[in-house]
C-alpha cells in the first residue's frame, strides 16, 4: 500500500528584494518549492524591501489572520520632488526648493499624521473603484476622486534628517499607504515629496532580522522546508483554547461545541487538541465554539 506524501505547508518570512512585486516573489517560491498553492499576506510595492509573509500549502488559508498585525516601516522621504506614483519609480510632476527645516518644524508637521486619520489612496494602487483597480485607470491617463479611508498611525518618528531626505520610523495599522504619507507630508510642508526608499522591518510579530532571502531558499534546494514556520506558531498572536479528545473530534468535523466556560467573544481563537496539536481557528458566540477554519484532518 502506497502512502500519499503530504506536501510541506507553513509560512515563510521572506526579506523581499527591491525591484520585485509581491506576486513575483510568490511565483519564485512556486518554482523553488514545486508547490503551486502559494500566496502572500500583505503586498509590498516593487520599490520596497523587507518582511513579506509567504504562505505555502494549506497555510494559504491563514492569510487573513497574518494580514491583521501592525506594520513597522523605515521610510526615506525625498522632499522637493513629487511623482505621479508618490514614489521614486514614478514620473516627476513637480519640483521645489527645500528649506533647511528645523526638527521642530518637521515634528510639528508629523503630529497631524498620528492616530486615527483619513487617508486617500494613491491613483497607482490596487484599490478598486467601479470594479477596476485604480492603477489601471492611472495607466490609462485617468484620475478619479478617491474615497478617503480611516487608518491608524500608531507612531511616526524622525530617524534622520539631511536635506532633502527625511527618514522616518512608522508603525501603522494594515492598509496604510506609506506613499500617501510621503505625498501628504510634502504637501503639508509646501514642497512636495515622495518615497525614495522603503523597508518593512516588521509585520505583527514577524521581524526582518529573522527573515530569509530568496537566495537562501534557492541554496537550500530540497531542504527549503526548514525555513517554514508551522501554522500553530504562525498564529501565536491568537489566544488559544484546548479541547478534549471528543471536542477535538467534533471540531475537525465542523461541528459547533458548547463552551460555556469561555468568555463571550467574537475574536478568533487558536484551537488546540488534547495534546495541544493545532486544529484550526474558531470563534465563540453565545457560549458556543464554532469552527471558522478547520486546518487538521478528520482522518
Protein backbone atom coordinates (compact mmCIF):
# COMPACT_ATOMS: atom_id res chain seq x y z
CA UNK A 1 0.00 0.00 0.00
CA UNK A 2 1.42 3.40 -1.01
CA UNK A 3 1.15 6.25 1.48
CA UNK A 4 0.35 9.59 -0.11
CA UNK A 5 3.13 12.08 0.55
CA UNK A 6 1.97 15.27 2.23
CA UNK A 7 3.31 18.50 0.74
CA UNK A 8 5.05 20.83 3.18
CA UNK A 9 2.97 23.73 4.45
CA UNK A 10 3.68 26.76 6.60
CA UNK A 11 4.74 30.38 6.44
CA UNK A 12 7.97 31.77 5.01
CA UNK A 13 9.22 35.08 6.38
CA UNK A 14 10.96 36.45 3.30
CA UNK A 15 13.09 39.57 3.03
CA UNK A 16 11.70 40.85 -0.26
CA UNK A 17 14.32 42.35 -2.56
CA UNK A 18 13.87 45.68 -4.29
CA UNK A 19 12.51 45.58 -7.83
CA UNK A 20 10.23 42.58 -7.44
CA UNK A 21 6.47 42.69 -6.96
CA UNK A 22 4.93 40.57 -4.22
CA UNK A 23 3.46 38.37 -6.96
CA UNK A 24 6.96 37.95 -8.43
CA UNK A 25 8.11 36.59 -5.06
CA UNK A 26 5.16 34.18 -4.92
CA UNK A 27 5.99 32.95 -8.43
CA UNK A 28 9.65 32.45 -7.46
CA UNK A 29 8.64 30.46 -4.34
CA UNK A 30 6.40 28.27 -6.51
CA UNK A 31 9.33 27.50 -8.80
CA UNK A 32 11.78 26.87 -5.96
CA UNK A 33 9.45 24.62 -3.96
CA UNK A 34 7.46 22.92 -6.71
CA UNK A 35 4.27 23.75 -4.78
CA UNK A 36 1.50 25.56 -6.64
CA UNK A 37 -0.55 26.62 -3.65
CA UNK A 38 1.34 29.73 -2.56
CA UNK A 39 0.13 33.21 -1.58
CA UNK A 40 1.34 36.28 0.28
CA UNK A 41 -0.03 38.17 3.27
CA UNK A 42 0.32 41.92 2.70
CA UNK A 43 1.53 43.48 -0.54
CA UNK A 44 4.80 45.38 -0.82
CA UNK A 45 5.48 47.75 -3.72
CA UNK A 46 8.36 46.81 -6.08
CA UNK A 47 10.44 49.64 -4.59
CA UNK A 48 10.00 48.28 -1.05
CA UNK A 49 12.08 45.64 0.71
CA UNK A 50 11.63 43.72 3.93
CA UNK A 51 9.14 41.40 5.59
CA UNK A 52 6.84 39.63 3.14
CA UNK A 53 4.96 36.67 4.60
CA UNK A 54 4.53 33.93 2.00
CA UNK A 55 2.11 31.12 2.81
CA UNK A 56 2.74 27.67 1.36
CA UNK A 57 0.23 24.82 1.02
CA UNK A 58 -2.71 24.89 3.41
CA UNK A 59 -1.13 27.89 5.17
CA UNK A 60 -2.72 29.99 2.40
CA UNK A 61 -5.91 29.63 4.45
CA UNK A 62 -4.48 31.75 7.28
CA UNK A 63 -3.53 34.78 5.16
CA UNK A 64 -6.40 36.85 6.59
CA UNK A 65 -5.06 36.46 10.15
CA UNK A 66 -1.46 37.28 9.22
CA UNK A 67 -2.52 40.48 7.49
CA UNK A 68 -4.01 41.97 10.65
CA UNK A 69 -0.81 42.72 12.55
CA UNK A 70 0.73 46.15 12.95
CA UNK A 71 3.33 47.06 10.32
CA UNK A 72 6.62 48.81 11.05
CA UNK A 73 8.39 50.68 8.27
CA UNK A 74 11.55 52.67 7.81
CA UNK A 75 10.93 55.13 5.01
CA UNK A 76 13.10 57.80 3.45
CA UNK A 77 11.02 60.63 2.03
CA UNK A 78 12.70 62.86 -0.52
CA UNK A 79 11.25 66.34 -0.15
CA UNK A 80 11.04 68.80 -3.02
CA UNK A 81 10.03 66.29 -5.69
CA UNK A 82 6.52 64.98 -6.40
CA UNK A 83 5.88 61.98 -8.64
CA UNK A 84 2.68 60.56 -10.10
CA UNK A 85 3.12 57.28 -8.18
CA UNK A 86 4.21 59.03 -4.96
CA UNK A 87 7.48 57.05 -5.04
CA UNK A 88 10.83 57.05 -6.82
CA UNK A 89 9.57 54.82 -9.64
CA UNK A 90 7.12 57.41 -10.89
CA UNK A 91 7.24 60.32 -13.30
CA UNK A 92 8.27 63.65 -11.77
CA UNK A 93 5.31 66.04 -11.86
CA UNK A 94 6.58 68.92 -9.70
CA UNK A 95 9.78 70.14 -8.07
CA UNK A 96 10.51 72.73 -5.42
CA UNK A 97 13.45 74.02 -3.43
CA UNK A 98 13.63 72.65 0.11
CA UNK A 99 14.32 75.00 3.03
CA UNK A 100 16.50 73.98 5.95
CA UNK A 101 13.56 72.77 8.01
CA UNK A 102 14.26 72.51 11.71
CA UNK A 103 13.47 69.28 13.55
CA UNK A 104 10.79 71.22 15.42
CA UNK A 105 9.02 72.20 12.18
CA UNK A 106 9.17 68.66 10.86
CA UNK A 107 7.96 67.21 14.16
CA UNK A 108 5.01 69.61 14.20
CA UNK A 109 4.08 68.65 10.63
CA UNK A 110 4.22 64.96 11.50
CA UNK A 111 1.90 65.40 14.50
CA UNK A 112 -1.18 65.57 12.25
CA UNK A 113 -0.40 62.11 10.90
CA UNK A 114 -0.57 60.33 14.25
CA UNK A 115 -3.65 58.49 15.48
CA UNK A 116 -6.79 57.69 13.52
CA UNK A 117 -6.62 59.62 10.26
CA UNK A 118 -8.36 59.67 6.91
CA UNK A 119 -6.01 58.70 4.10
CA UNK A 120 -6.67 58.94 0.36
CA UNK A 121 -5.08 56.03 -1.52
CA UNK A 122 -2.77 56.88 -4.44
CA UNK A 123 -4.04 56.54 -8.02
CA UNK A 124 -1.31 53.97 -8.53
CA UNK A 125 -2.73 51.42 -6.10
CA UNK A 126 -4.71 48.18 -6.22
CA UNK A 127 -7.76 49.76 -4.55
CA UNK A 128 -10.77 49.17 -6.77
CA UNK A 129 -13.23 51.81 -7.86
CA UNK A 130 -16.13 50.89 -10.08
CA UNK A 131 -14.75 47.37 -10.20
CA UNK A 132 -11.42 48.48 -11.68
CA UNK A 133 -8.07 48.81 -9.85
CA UNK A 134 -7.01 52.44 -9.61
CA UNK A 135 -3.62 51.73 -11.16
CA UNK A 136 -5.29 50.57 -14.38
CA UNK A 137 -7.21 53.85 -14.58
CA UNK A 138 -3.99 55.76 -13.85
CA UNK A 139 -2.13 53.95 -16.63
CA UNK A 140 -4.95 54.93 -18.99
CA UNK A 141 -4.35 58.56 -18.06
CA UNK A 142 -7.47 58.87 -15.92
CA UNK A 143 -7.59 60.36 -12.45
CA UNK A 144 -10.71 59.85 -10.35
CA UNK A 145 -11.83 61.10 -6.98
CA UNK A 146 -10.90 58.54 -4.34
CA UNK A 147 -12.75 57.99 -1.09
CA UNK A 148 -10.56 58.57 1.98
CA UNK A 149 -10.26 55.57 4.29
CA UNK A 150 -9.72 55.58 8.04
CA UNK A 151 -6.34 54.15 9.04
CA UNK A 152 -4.27 54.32 12.20
CA UNK A 153 -0.73 55.60 12.57
CA UNK A 154 0.47 54.45 15.98
CA UNK A 155 3.92 56.02 15.78
CA UNK A 156 5.74 58.26 13.32
CA UNK A 157 9.18 59.41 14.39
CA UNK A 158 12.20 61.02 12.77
CA UNK A 159 15.27 58.81 12.46
CA UNK A 160 17.38 61.13 10.33
CA UNK A 161 17.10 64.46 8.50
CA UNK A 162 19.57 65.64 5.94
CA UNK A 163 18.05 67.88 3.31
CA UNK A 164 16.27 66.82 1.12
CA UNK A 165 15.89 63.34 2.69
CA UNK A 166 13.80 62.68 5.79
CA UNK A 167 13.95 59.16 7.23
CA UNK A 168 11.06 58.06 9.42
CA UNK A 169 10.07 55.06 11.50
CA UNK A 170 6.33 54.48 11.06
CA UNK A 171 4.11 51.99 12.91
CA UNK A 172 0.74 51.52 11.23
CA UNK A 173 -2.44 49.52 11.05
CA UNK A 174 -2.91 47.32 7.96
CA UNK A 175 -3.92 49.10 4.77
CA UNK A 176 -1.79 52.23 5.18
CA UNK A 177 -0.03 53.63 2.11
CA UNK A 178 3.36 54.99 3.12
CA UNK A 179 3.47 56.64 -0.31
CA UNK A 180 0.40 58.68 0.62
CA UNK A 181 2.07 59.76 3.86
CA UNK A 182 5.10 60.96 1.88
CA UNK A 183 2.92 62.82 -0.60
CA UNK A 184 0.68 64.39 2.04
CA UNK A 185 3.62 65.37 4.26
CA UNK A 186 5.34 67.03 1.31
CA UNK A 187 2.17 68.99 0.59
CA UNK A 188 1.83 69.96 4.26
CA UNK A 189 5.38 71.33 4.21
CA UNK A 190 4.68 73.17 0.96
CA UNK A 191 7.47 71.49 -1.04
CA UNK A 192 6.08 68.16 -2.21
CA UNK A 193 7.66 64.77 -1.57
CA UNK A 194 7.78 61.10 -2.46
CA UNK A 195 9.02 57.80 -1.02
CA UNK A 196 12.65 57.37 -2.00
CA UNK A 197 13.32 54.11 -0.11
CA UNK A 198 11.02 51.88 1.94
CA UNK A 199 11.70 48.88 4.15
CA UNK A 200 9.14 46.91 6.15
CA UNK A 201 11.03 45.85 9.27
CA UNK A 202 8.12 44.10 10.98
CA UNK A 203 4.65 42.72 10.34
CA UNK A 204 2.91 41.69 13.52
CA UNK A 205 5.41 39.58 15.47
CA UNK A 206 7.49 38.83 12.35
CA UNK A 207 10.82 40.67 12.17
CA UNK A 208 13.12 41.32 9.24
CA UNK A 209 16.13 40.15 11.28
CA UNK A 210 14.62 36.66 11.21
CA UNK A 211 13.69 36.72 7.52
CA UNK A 212 15.30 34.61 4.80
CA UNK A 213 16.19 35.72 1.31
CA UNK A 214 15.18 34.09 -1.94
CA UNK A 215 18.86 33.22 -2.36
CA UNK A 216 18.70 31.35 0.99
CA UNK A 217 15.74 29.34 -0.29
CA UNK A 218 17.44 28.58 -3.58
CA UNK A 219 20.67 27.49 -1.89
CA UNK A 220 18.76 25.14 0.43
CA UNK A 221 17.48 23.14 -2.56
CA UNK A 222 15.34 20.25 -1.21
CA UNK A 223 15.99 21.32 2.39
CA UNK A 224 13.98 24.53 1.93
CA UNK A 225 11.14 23.37 4.28
CA UNK A 226 13.45 24.07 7.24
CA UNK A 227 12.60 27.75 6.77
CA UNK A 228 8.86 27.12 7.20
CA UNK A 229 7.01 28.28 10.32
CA UNK A 230 4.22 25.89 11.29
CA UNK A 231 0.60 27.01 11.48
CA UNK A 232 0.40 26.82 15.25
CA UNK A 233 3.42 29.10 15.68
CA UNK A 234 2.38 31.40 12.85
CA UNK A 235 -0.90 32.09 14.65
CA UNK A 236 0.64 32.55 18.10
CA UNK A 237 -0.92 36.05 18.25
CA UNK A 238 -4.35 34.43 18.68
CA UNK A 239 -5.46 33.33 22.16
CA UNK A 240 -5.61 29.54 22.49
CA UNK A 241 -8.28 27.15 23.70
CA UNK A 242 -7.51 23.47 24.37
CA UNK A 243 -10.24 20.88 23.65
CA UNK A 244 -10.84 17.41 24.99
CA UNK A 245 -10.44 14.47 22.64
CA UNK A 246 -14.18 14.31 21.97
CA UNK A 247 -14.45 18.07 21.46
CA UNK A 248 -11.47 17.98 19.09
CA UNK A 249 -13.10 15.21 17.05
CA UNK A 250 -16.26 17.25 16.70
CA UNK A 251 -14.34 20.42 15.84
CA UNK A 252 -12.48 18.86 12.91
CA UNK A 253 -15.80 17.52 11.64
CA UNK A 254 -17.01 21.13 11.52
CA UNK A 255 -19.43 20.81 14.43
CA UNK A 256 -20.29 23.56 16.92
CA UNK A 257 -19.29 22.90 20.52
CA UNK A 258 -20.86 24.38 23.69
CA UNK A 259 -18.10 26.14 25.64
CA UNK A 260 -19.87 27.89 28.50
CA UNK A 261 -16.64 28.35 30.44
CA UNK A 262 -15.20 30.65 27.77
CA UNK A 263 -15.84 34.39 27.85
CA UNK A 264 -18.21 35.78 25.23
CA UNK A 265 -16.09 36.97 22.33
CA UNK A 266 -16.21 37.30 18.55
CA UNK A 267 -12.42 37.22 18.39
CA UNK A 268 -10.62 34.39 16.63
CA UNK A 269 -9.18 31.65 18.84
CA UNK A 270 -6.38 29.21 18.07
CA UNK A 271 -7.95 25.80 18.69
CA UNK A 272 -5.74 23.01 20.03
CA UNK A 273 -6.39 19.33 20.71
CA UNK A 274 -5.77 17.47 24.00
CA UNK A 275 -2.04 17.13 23.23
CA UNK A 276 -2.03 20.77 22.08
CA UNK A 277 -1.97 19.72 18.44
CA UNK A 278 -3.16 22.52 16.17
CA UNK A 279 -6.69 22.00 14.84
CA UNK A 280 -7.68 25.35 13.36
CA UNK A 281 -9.33 28.64 14.17
CA UNK A 282 -12.66 29.04 15.94
CA UNK A 283 -14.97 31.74 17.22
CA UNK A 284 -17.14 31.83 20.34
CA UNK A 285 -20.67 33.17 20.15
CA UNK A 286 -23.37 32.75 22.80
CA UNK A 287 -21.24 30.19 24.64
CA UNK A 288 -20.67 28.03 21.55
CA UNK A 289 -17.34 27.45 19.80
CA UNK A 290 -17.88 27.45 16.05
CA UNK A 291 -15.17 26.32 13.63
CA UNK A 292 -14.02 29.18 11.40
CA UNK A 293 -11.11 27.42 9.68
CA UNK A 294 -10.51 23.70 10.22
CA UNK A 295 -6.87 23.01 9.38
CA UNK A 296 -6.44 19.48 10.73
CA UNK A 297 -7.54 16.25 9.06
CA UNK A 298 -10.55 14.38 10.41
CA UNK A 299 -8.94 11.06 9.37
